[in-house]
N, C-alpha and C. Protein backbone atom coordinates (compact mmCIF):
# COMPACT_ATOMS: atom_id res chain seq x y z
N MET A 1 -7.25 -45.61 8.34
CA MET A 1 -6.53 -44.37 8.16
C MET A 1 -6.14 -44.22 6.71
N ALA A 2 -6.16 -42.98 6.26
CA ALA A 2 -5.79 -42.71 4.88
C ALA A 2 -4.27 -42.59 4.78
N ALA A 3 -3.74 -43.10 3.69
CA ALA A 3 -2.30 -43.00 3.48
C ALA A 3 -1.95 -41.59 3.04
N HIS A 4 -0.90 -41.07 3.57
CA HIS A 4 -0.47 -39.71 3.25
C HIS A 4 0.76 -39.79 2.37
N THR A 5 0.67 -39.28 1.15
CA THR A 5 1.82 -39.34 0.25
C THR A 5 2.61 -38.05 0.32
N ASN A 6 3.83 -38.08 -0.17
CA ASN A 6 4.69 -36.91 -0.15
C ASN A 6 4.26 -35.84 -1.13
N SER A 7 3.45 -36.20 -2.12
CA SER A 7 3.08 -35.22 -3.13
C SER A 7 1.92 -34.33 -2.69
N GLN A 8 1.32 -34.62 -1.54
CA GLN A 8 0.20 -33.82 -1.09
C GLN A 8 0.61 -32.94 0.09
N GLY A 9 0.10 -31.72 0.07
CA GLY A 9 0.36 -30.79 1.15
C GLY A 9 -0.90 -30.55 1.93
N PRO A 10 -0.91 -29.55 2.76
CA PRO A 10 -2.09 -29.28 3.58
C PRO A 10 -3.31 -28.85 2.77
N GLU A 11 -3.11 -28.33 1.56
CA GLU A 11 -4.24 -27.89 0.76
C GLU A 11 -4.82 -29.00 -0.10
N GLY A 12 -4.23 -30.17 -0.10
CA GLY A 12 -4.73 -31.25 -0.94
C GLY A 12 -3.73 -31.58 -2.02
N ASN A 13 -4.17 -31.53 -3.27
CA ASN A 13 -3.28 -31.88 -4.38
C ASN A 13 -2.22 -30.81 -4.55
N TYR A 14 -1.00 -31.19 -4.30
CA TYR A 14 0.13 -30.27 -4.36
C TYR A 14 1.09 -30.77 -5.43
N ASP A 15 1.39 -29.92 -6.38
CA ASP A 15 2.25 -30.31 -7.48
C ASP A 15 3.51 -29.45 -7.46
N PRO A 16 4.60 -29.93 -6.87
CA PRO A 16 5.81 -29.11 -6.80
C PRO A 16 6.38 -28.80 -8.17
N ALA A 17 6.20 -29.69 -9.14
CA ALA A 17 6.72 -29.42 -10.49
C ALA A 17 5.96 -28.26 -11.12
N GLY A 18 4.67 -28.17 -10.90
CA GLY A 18 3.88 -27.06 -11.43
C GLY A 18 4.30 -25.74 -10.81
N ASN A 19 4.56 -25.74 -9.51
CA ASN A 19 5.01 -24.52 -8.85
C ASN A 19 6.38 -24.10 -9.36
N THR A 20 7.25 -25.07 -9.60
CA THR A 20 8.57 -24.75 -10.13
C THR A 20 8.45 -24.14 -11.51
N GLN A 21 7.57 -24.70 -12.33
CA GLN A 21 7.38 -24.17 -13.68
C GLN A 21 6.84 -22.75 -13.62
N MET A 22 5.89 -22.49 -12.73
CA MET A 22 5.34 -21.14 -12.61
C MET A 22 6.41 -20.18 -12.11
N PHE A 23 7.25 -20.63 -11.17
CA PHE A 23 8.31 -19.77 -10.66
C PHE A 23 9.31 -19.45 -11.76
N ARG A 24 9.69 -20.45 -12.53
CA ARG A 24 10.64 -20.21 -13.62
C ARG A 24 10.05 -19.27 -14.65
N ALA A 25 8.77 -19.42 -14.96
CA ALA A 25 8.13 -18.50 -15.90
C ALA A 25 8.14 -17.08 -15.35
N PHE A 26 7.90 -16.95 -14.05
CA PHE A 26 7.92 -15.64 -13.41
C PHE A 26 9.31 -15.02 -13.48
N VAL A 27 10.34 -15.80 -13.17
CA VAL A 27 11.72 -15.31 -13.20
C VAL A 27 12.12 -14.95 -14.62
N ASP A 28 11.77 -15.81 -15.59
CA ASP A 28 12.10 -15.51 -16.99
C ASP A 28 11.40 -14.25 -17.45
N ASP A 29 10.16 -14.06 -17.02
CA ASP A 29 9.41 -12.86 -17.37
C ASP A 29 10.08 -11.62 -16.78
N ALA A 30 10.53 -11.72 -15.54
CA ALA A 30 11.18 -10.59 -14.88
C ALA A 30 12.49 -10.25 -15.56
N GLU A 31 13.24 -11.25 -16.01
CA GLU A 31 14.51 -11.00 -16.67
C GLU A 31 14.32 -10.32 -18.02
N THR A 32 13.27 -10.69 -18.75
CA THR A 32 13.04 -10.06 -20.05
C THR A 32 12.51 -8.64 -19.88
N ALA A 33 11.80 -8.37 -18.79
CA ALA A 33 11.25 -7.03 -18.57
C ALA A 33 12.27 -6.11 -17.89
N ARG A 34 13.31 -6.66 -17.31
CA ARG A 34 14.27 -5.87 -16.55
C ARG A 34 15.00 -4.82 -17.39
N PRO A 35 15.50 -5.10 -18.59
CA PRO A 35 16.21 -4.04 -19.33
C PRO A 35 15.36 -2.80 -19.56
N ALA A 36 14.09 -2.96 -19.86
CA ALA A 36 13.22 -1.79 -20.06
C ALA A 36 13.02 -1.05 -18.74
N ALA A 37 12.86 -1.80 -17.68
CA ALA A 37 12.66 -1.17 -16.37
C ALA A 37 13.92 -0.44 -15.93
N VAL A 38 15.08 -1.01 -16.20
CA VAL A 38 16.34 -0.36 -15.83
C VAL A 38 16.52 0.91 -16.64
N ALA A 39 16.20 0.86 -17.93
CA ALA A 39 16.32 2.05 -18.77
C ALA A 39 15.38 3.15 -18.28
N ALA A 40 14.17 2.79 -17.92
CA ALA A 40 13.22 3.78 -17.40
C ALA A 40 13.72 4.35 -16.08
N SER A 41 14.30 3.51 -15.25
CA SER A 41 14.84 3.97 -13.98
C SER A 41 16.00 4.94 -14.20
N HIS A 42 16.86 4.64 -15.17
CA HIS A 42 17.97 5.55 -15.46
C HIS A 42 17.47 6.88 -16.01
N ARG A 43 16.42 6.83 -16.82
CA ARG A 43 15.86 8.09 -17.33
C ARG A 43 15.31 8.92 -16.19
N GLN A 44 14.61 8.28 -15.25
CA GLN A 44 14.07 9.02 -14.12
C GLN A 44 15.19 9.59 -13.26
N GLN A 45 16.23 8.80 -13.03
CA GLN A 45 17.33 9.28 -12.20
C GLN A 45 18.06 10.43 -12.88
N SER A 46 18.24 10.34 -14.19
CA SER A 46 18.95 11.41 -14.89
C SER A 46 18.11 12.68 -14.91
N SER A 47 16.79 12.54 -15.05
CA SER A 47 15.95 13.73 -15.04
C SER A 47 15.93 14.35 -13.64
N LYS A 48 15.96 13.52 -12.60
CA LYS A 48 16.02 14.04 -11.24
C LYS A 48 17.36 14.71 -10.99
N ALA A 49 18.43 14.14 -11.52
CA ALA A 49 19.75 14.74 -11.35
C ALA A 49 19.79 16.09 -12.05
N GLY A 50 19.21 16.18 -13.24
CA GLY A 50 19.15 17.45 -13.95
C GLY A 50 18.33 18.48 -13.19
N LEU A 51 17.25 18.05 -12.58
CA LEU A 51 16.42 18.96 -11.79
C LEU A 51 17.20 19.48 -10.58
N TRP A 52 17.90 18.58 -9.87
CA TRP A 52 18.69 19.00 -8.73
C TRP A 52 19.81 19.96 -9.15
N LEU A 53 20.42 19.68 -10.28
CA LEU A 53 21.47 20.56 -10.78
C LEU A 53 20.91 21.95 -11.08
N ALA A 54 19.74 21.99 -11.70
CA ALA A 54 19.10 23.28 -12.00
C ALA A 54 18.77 24.04 -10.72
N VAL A 55 18.29 23.36 -9.70
CA VAL A 55 17.96 24.01 -8.43
C VAL A 55 19.22 24.57 -7.78
N VAL A 56 20.30 23.81 -7.79
CA VAL A 56 21.55 24.28 -7.19
C VAL A 56 22.10 25.48 -7.94
N VAL A 57 22.07 25.42 -9.27
CA VAL A 57 22.56 26.54 -10.08
C VAL A 57 21.71 27.79 -9.83
N ALA A 58 20.39 27.62 -9.76
CA ALA A 58 19.51 28.76 -9.49
C ALA A 58 19.80 29.35 -8.11
N PHE A 59 20.03 28.50 -7.13
CA PHE A 59 20.36 28.98 -5.78
C PHE A 59 21.66 29.77 -5.78
N VAL A 60 22.66 29.26 -6.47
CA VAL A 60 23.95 29.96 -6.52
C VAL A 60 23.80 31.30 -7.22
N VAL A 61 23.00 31.35 -8.29
CA VAL A 61 22.79 32.61 -9.01
C VAL A 61 22.08 33.63 -8.12
N VAL A 62 21.05 33.17 -7.39
CA VAL A 62 20.31 34.09 -6.52
C VAL A 62 21.20 34.59 -5.40
N VAL A 63 21.98 33.73 -4.77
CA VAL A 63 22.88 34.14 -3.69
C VAL A 63 23.93 35.09 -4.24
N GLY A 64 24.46 34.81 -5.43
CA GLY A 64 25.44 35.68 -6.05
C GLY A 64 24.85 37.07 -6.36
N ALA A 65 23.61 37.09 -6.86
CA ALA A 65 22.97 38.38 -7.17
C ALA A 65 22.71 39.18 -5.89
N VAL A 66 22.29 38.53 -4.84
CA VAL A 66 22.04 39.21 -3.57
C VAL A 66 23.36 39.75 -3.02
N ALA A 67 24.42 38.97 -3.08
CA ALA A 67 25.72 39.42 -2.60
C ALA A 67 26.23 40.59 -3.44
N TRP A 68 26.04 40.52 -4.76
CA TRP A 68 26.51 41.61 -5.65
C TRP A 68 25.75 42.90 -5.35
N LEU A 69 24.43 42.78 -5.13
CA LEU A 69 23.64 43.97 -4.80
C LEU A 69 24.01 44.52 -3.42
N ALA A 70 24.25 43.65 -2.45
CA ALA A 70 24.57 44.09 -1.10
C ALA A 70 25.96 44.75 -1.04
N LEU A 71 26.91 44.22 -1.79
CA LEU A 71 28.28 44.73 -1.74
C LEU A 71 28.53 45.82 -2.78
N GLY A 72 27.65 45.91 -3.77
CA GLY A 72 27.89 46.85 -4.86
C GLY A 72 27.37 48.18 -4.57
């Protein structure tokens, strides 16, 4: 029978230190990219908020004009 060591998994040669290093590199990469992504997200949200505000203002103006014409 072959001896089974703790460093091997079902796929064969398994290196937990290598996986940890790749995970840390991934997390570090995500942290450095996050400020730009957050800024882009805030820009999108602010532009959407401006769009919604414009739609609401336009709706109020149209309803006001219809009411003024109907009552005037």
